[in-house]
Amino acid sequence: MEIFFILRKILIGVPIGFALVKPFVLDTFGYIARVDGVSMQPTLNPDSKTTDYVFLNHWSVRHYNIHRGDIISFTSPKSPNRFLIKRVVGLAGDVVSTIGYKTSVSQVPDGHCWVEGDNTGYSMDSNSFGPVALGLITGKATCIVWPPSRWQYLIPFLPSHRAPLNLSLPVAA
């Protein structure tokens, strides 16, 4: 009879403990997310047969510690129930050359960043909706975790043709 009492406590306690701990872990450290679409090709989902899963690190963005070239996840400014993943091209104060935005250049305001997909022309990004508020950032993609053939850290880089106009940065060619 005593064993049933202990088993009952475990069967009730484990799900409750998991329900309490899981949100803390996910909100504090991060989680694995599926990347859909072609907007970040060739970095993510390099072909139509591959779907990448990335680790979204929440810890690294909790103090808005983002840099040019980072790949971030954020809540869509146009559709709050959707999350997007893009590369940071500009930070507050940067002057960026836009692609199809309402002006040909834009200065990123304080508390915002400019994000773009790597696959220009196939991306819903700052060129569509403008600068993104830092408060909408949910995580930084730090590595591809699936499929195994694509395991790798995502090294931040900024293509030279997308560097802010007011900076002389060492950038990738």
Protein backbone atom coordinates (compact mmCIF):
# COMPACT_ATOMS: atom_id res chain seq x y z
CA MET A 1 0.00 0.00 0.00
CA GLU A 2 2.86 2.33 0.80
CA ILE A 3 4.38 1.82 -2.66
CA PHE A 4 1.14 2.96 -4.30
CA PHE A 5 1.17 6.10 -2.18
CA ILE A 6 4.73 6.89 -3.27
CA LEU A 7 3.98 6.09 -6.92
CA ARG A 8 0.91 8.34 -6.81
CA LYS A 9 2.96 11.22 -5.43
CA ILE A 10 5.57 10.75 -8.17
CA LEU A 11 2.97 10.53 -10.94
CA ILE A 12 1.39 13.75 -9.75
CA GLY A 13 4.60 15.56 -8.78
CA VAL A 14 6.69 14.99 -11.90
CA PRO A 15 4.24 16.61 -14.37
CA ILE A 16 3.68 19.53 -12.01
CA GLY A 17 7.42 20.00 -11.52
CA PHE A 18 8.02 19.77 -15.26
CA ALA A 19 5.25 22.30 -15.94
CA LEU A 20 6.88 24.73 -13.51
CA VAL A 21 10.51 24.22 -14.59
CA LYS A 22 10.06 24.00 -18.38
CA PRO A 23 8.92 27.64 -18.90
CA PHE A 24 11.80 28.86 -16.73
CA VAL A 25 14.35 26.88 -18.74
CA LEU A 26 12.89 27.91 -22.11
CA ASP A 27 12.56 31.58 -21.17
CA THR A 28 15.99 31.77 -19.56
CA PHE A 29 18.24 29.66 -21.74
CA GLY A 30 16.55 28.97 -25.06
CA TYR A 31 15.05 26.29 -27.22
CA ILE A 32 15.29 24.57 -30.57
CA ALA A 33 13.20 26.04 -33.40
CA ARG A 34 12.43 24.96 -36.94
CA VAL A 35 13.39 27.44 -39.66
CA ASP A 36 10.82 27.63 -42.45
CA GLY A 37 11.19 29.36 -45.79
CA VAL A 38 13.92 30.56 -48.10
CA SER A 39 14.59 34.05 -46.74
CA MET A 40 17.84 33.09 -45.01
CA GLN A 41 19.31 30.99 -47.84
CA PRO A 42 22.06 29.99 -48.24
CA THR A 43 22.90 30.27 -44.51
CA LEU A 44 19.78 28.40 -43.37
CA ASN A 45 17.73 25.89 -45.37
CA PRO A 46 20.32 25.91 -48.18
CA ASP A 47 18.12 23.91 -50.57
CA SER A 48 14.49 22.91 -50.95
CA LYS A 49 15.16 19.48 -49.43
CA THR A 50 16.73 20.71 -46.18
CA THR A 51 14.91 22.14 -43.17
CA ASP A 52 17.25 23.46 -40.50
CA TYR A 53 16.57 23.48 -36.79
CA VAL A 54 18.51 26.07 -34.79
CA PHE A 55 19.16 26.70 -31.12
CA LEU A 56 17.67 30.08 -30.17
CA ASN A 57 19.69 31.39 -27.25
CA HIS A 58 17.52 33.59 -25.00
CA TRP A 59 20.28 34.16 -22.47
CA SER A 60 22.50 36.00 -24.96
CA VAL A 61 19.86 38.64 -25.81
CA ARG A 62 18.37 39.32 -22.38
CA HIS A 63 20.31 42.61 -22.15
CA TYR A 64 19.89 43.31 -25.89
CA ASN A 65 23.48 42.24 -26.47
CA ILE A 66 23.27 41.93 -30.25
CA HIS A 67 25.83 42.78 -32.90
CA ARG A 68 25.87 43.37 -36.62
CA GLY A 69 25.88 40.02 -38.38
CA ASP A 70 24.02 38.11 -35.64
CA ILE A 71 21.06 36.02 -36.71
CA ILE A 72 18.15 36.77 -34.40
CA SER A 73 14.59 35.62 -33.84
CA PHE A 74 11.95 38.24 -33.13
CA THR A 75 8.21 38.75 -33.00
CA SER A 76 6.97 40.02 -36.34
CA PRO A 77 5.99 43.71 -36.14
CA LYS A 78 3.23 43.01 -38.72
CA SER A 79 1.91 39.70 -37.32
CA PRO A 80 2.49 39.40 -33.55
CA ASN A 81 1.65 35.68 -33.56
CA ARG A 82 4.57 34.93 -35.94
CA PHE A 83 8.28 34.77 -35.26
CA LEU A 84 10.86 35.69 -37.88
CA ILE A 85 14.56 34.93 -38.13
CA LYS A 86 16.88 37.44 -39.87
CA ARG A 87 20.40 38.87 -39.81
CA VAL A 88 21.15 42.13 -37.96
CA VAL A 89 22.45 44.63 -40.52
CA GLY A 90 22.30 47.86 -38.53
CA LEU A 91 22.16 49.02 -34.92
CA ALA A 92 20.93 52.26 -33.35
CA GLY A 93 22.51 55.26 -35.07
CA ASP A 94 23.59 53.35 -38.18
CA VAL A 95 22.63 54.66 -41.59
CA VAL A 96 21.66 51.76 -43.83
CA SER A 97 21.02 51.54 -47.54
CA THR A 98 17.55 50.06 -48.00
CA ILE A 99 16.16 47.75 -50.65
CA GLY A 100 12.63 48.81 -51.62
CA TYR A 101 11.86 50.62 -48.37
CA LYS A 102 10.01 53.96 -48.44
CA THR A 103 13.36 55.81 -48.46
CA SER A 104 16.64 54.79 -50.10
CA VAL A 105 18.55 55.22 -46.82
CA SER A 106 17.34 55.02 -43.24
CA GLN A 107 18.89 55.83 -39.89
CA VAL A 108 18.18 53.21 -37.25
CA PRO A 109 16.56 54.89 -34.21
CA ASP A 110 17.56 54.26 -30.59
CA GLY A 111 16.17 51.02 -29.20
CA HIS A 112 15.91 49.44 -32.67
CA CYS A 113 17.91 47.41 -35.17
CA TRP A 114 17.71 46.86 -38.93
CA VAL A 115 17.29 43.23 -40.00
CA GLU A 116 17.39 41.55 -43.40
CA GLY A 117 17.18 38.06 -44.81
CA ASP A 118 20.23 36.73 -46.63
CA ASN A 119 18.11 35.89 -49.69
CA THR A 120 17.31 39.43 -50.85
CA GLY A 121 13.99 39.66 -52.64
CA TYR A 122 12.54 36.63 -50.83
CA SER A 123 12.46 38.07 -47.33
CA MET A 124 9.93 39.89 -45.17
CA ASP A 125 12.35 42.10 -43.24
CA SER A 126 13.13 45.71 -42.30
CA ASN A 127 12.91 46.64 -45.97
CA SER A 128 9.20 45.80 -45.63
CA PHE A 129 8.34 46.98 -42.11
CA GLY A 130 11.22 49.25 -41.03
CA PRO A 131 13.47 49.05 -37.97
CA VAL A 132 12.66 46.40 -35.35
CA ALA A 133 12.30 47.35 -31.68
CA LEU A 134 14.86 45.56 -29.51
CA GLY A 135 12.02 44.50 -27.20
CA LEU A 136 10.68 42.23 -29.96
CA ILE A 137 13.87 40.13 -30.04
CA THR A 138 13.33 36.66 -28.58
CA GLY A 139 16.67 34.94 -29.20
CA LYS A 140 19.91 34.65 -31.10
CA ALA A 141 20.45 31.67 -33.40
CA THR A 142 23.78 30.27 -32.26
CA CYS A 143 23.99 26.92 -34.03
CA ILE A 144 22.26 24.53 -36.39
CA VAL A 145 21.34 21.41 -34.42
CA TRP A 146 19.47 19.40 -37.09
CA PRO A 147 19.99 17.74 -39.50
CA PRO A 148 23.26 16.16 -38.30
CA SER A 149 24.93 16.80 -41.66
CA ARG A 150 24.50 20.56 -41.02
CA TRP A 151 25.71 20.74 -37.41
CA GLN A 152 27.62 23.99 -37.08
CA TYR A 153 27.94 27.19 -35.10
CA LEU A 154 26.46 30.23 -36.81
CA ILE A 155 29.34 32.67 -37.01
CA PRO A 156 28.11 36.28 -37.19
CA PHE A 157 29.12 37.99 -40.42
CA LEU A 158 27.94 40.96 -42.39
CA PRO A 159 28.17 40.90 -46.18
CA SER A 160 30.27 43.87 -47.33
CA HIS A 161 27.50 45.15 -49.61
CA ARG A 162 25.11 45.40 -46.60
CA ALA A 163 27.40 47.22 -44.15
CA PRO A 164 26.00 50.48 -42.72
CA LEU A 165 26.96 53.54 -44.73
CA ASN A 166 28.36 55.47 -41.78
CA LEU A 167 30.80 52.75 -40.64
CA SER A 168 34.09 51.36 -41.82
CA LEU A 169 33.75 47.82 -40.56
CA PRO A 170 35.86 44.79 -41.17
CA VAL A 171 33.28 42.70 -43.03
CA ALA A 172 33.14 39.48 -44.97
CA ALA A 173 33.72 39.72 -48.71
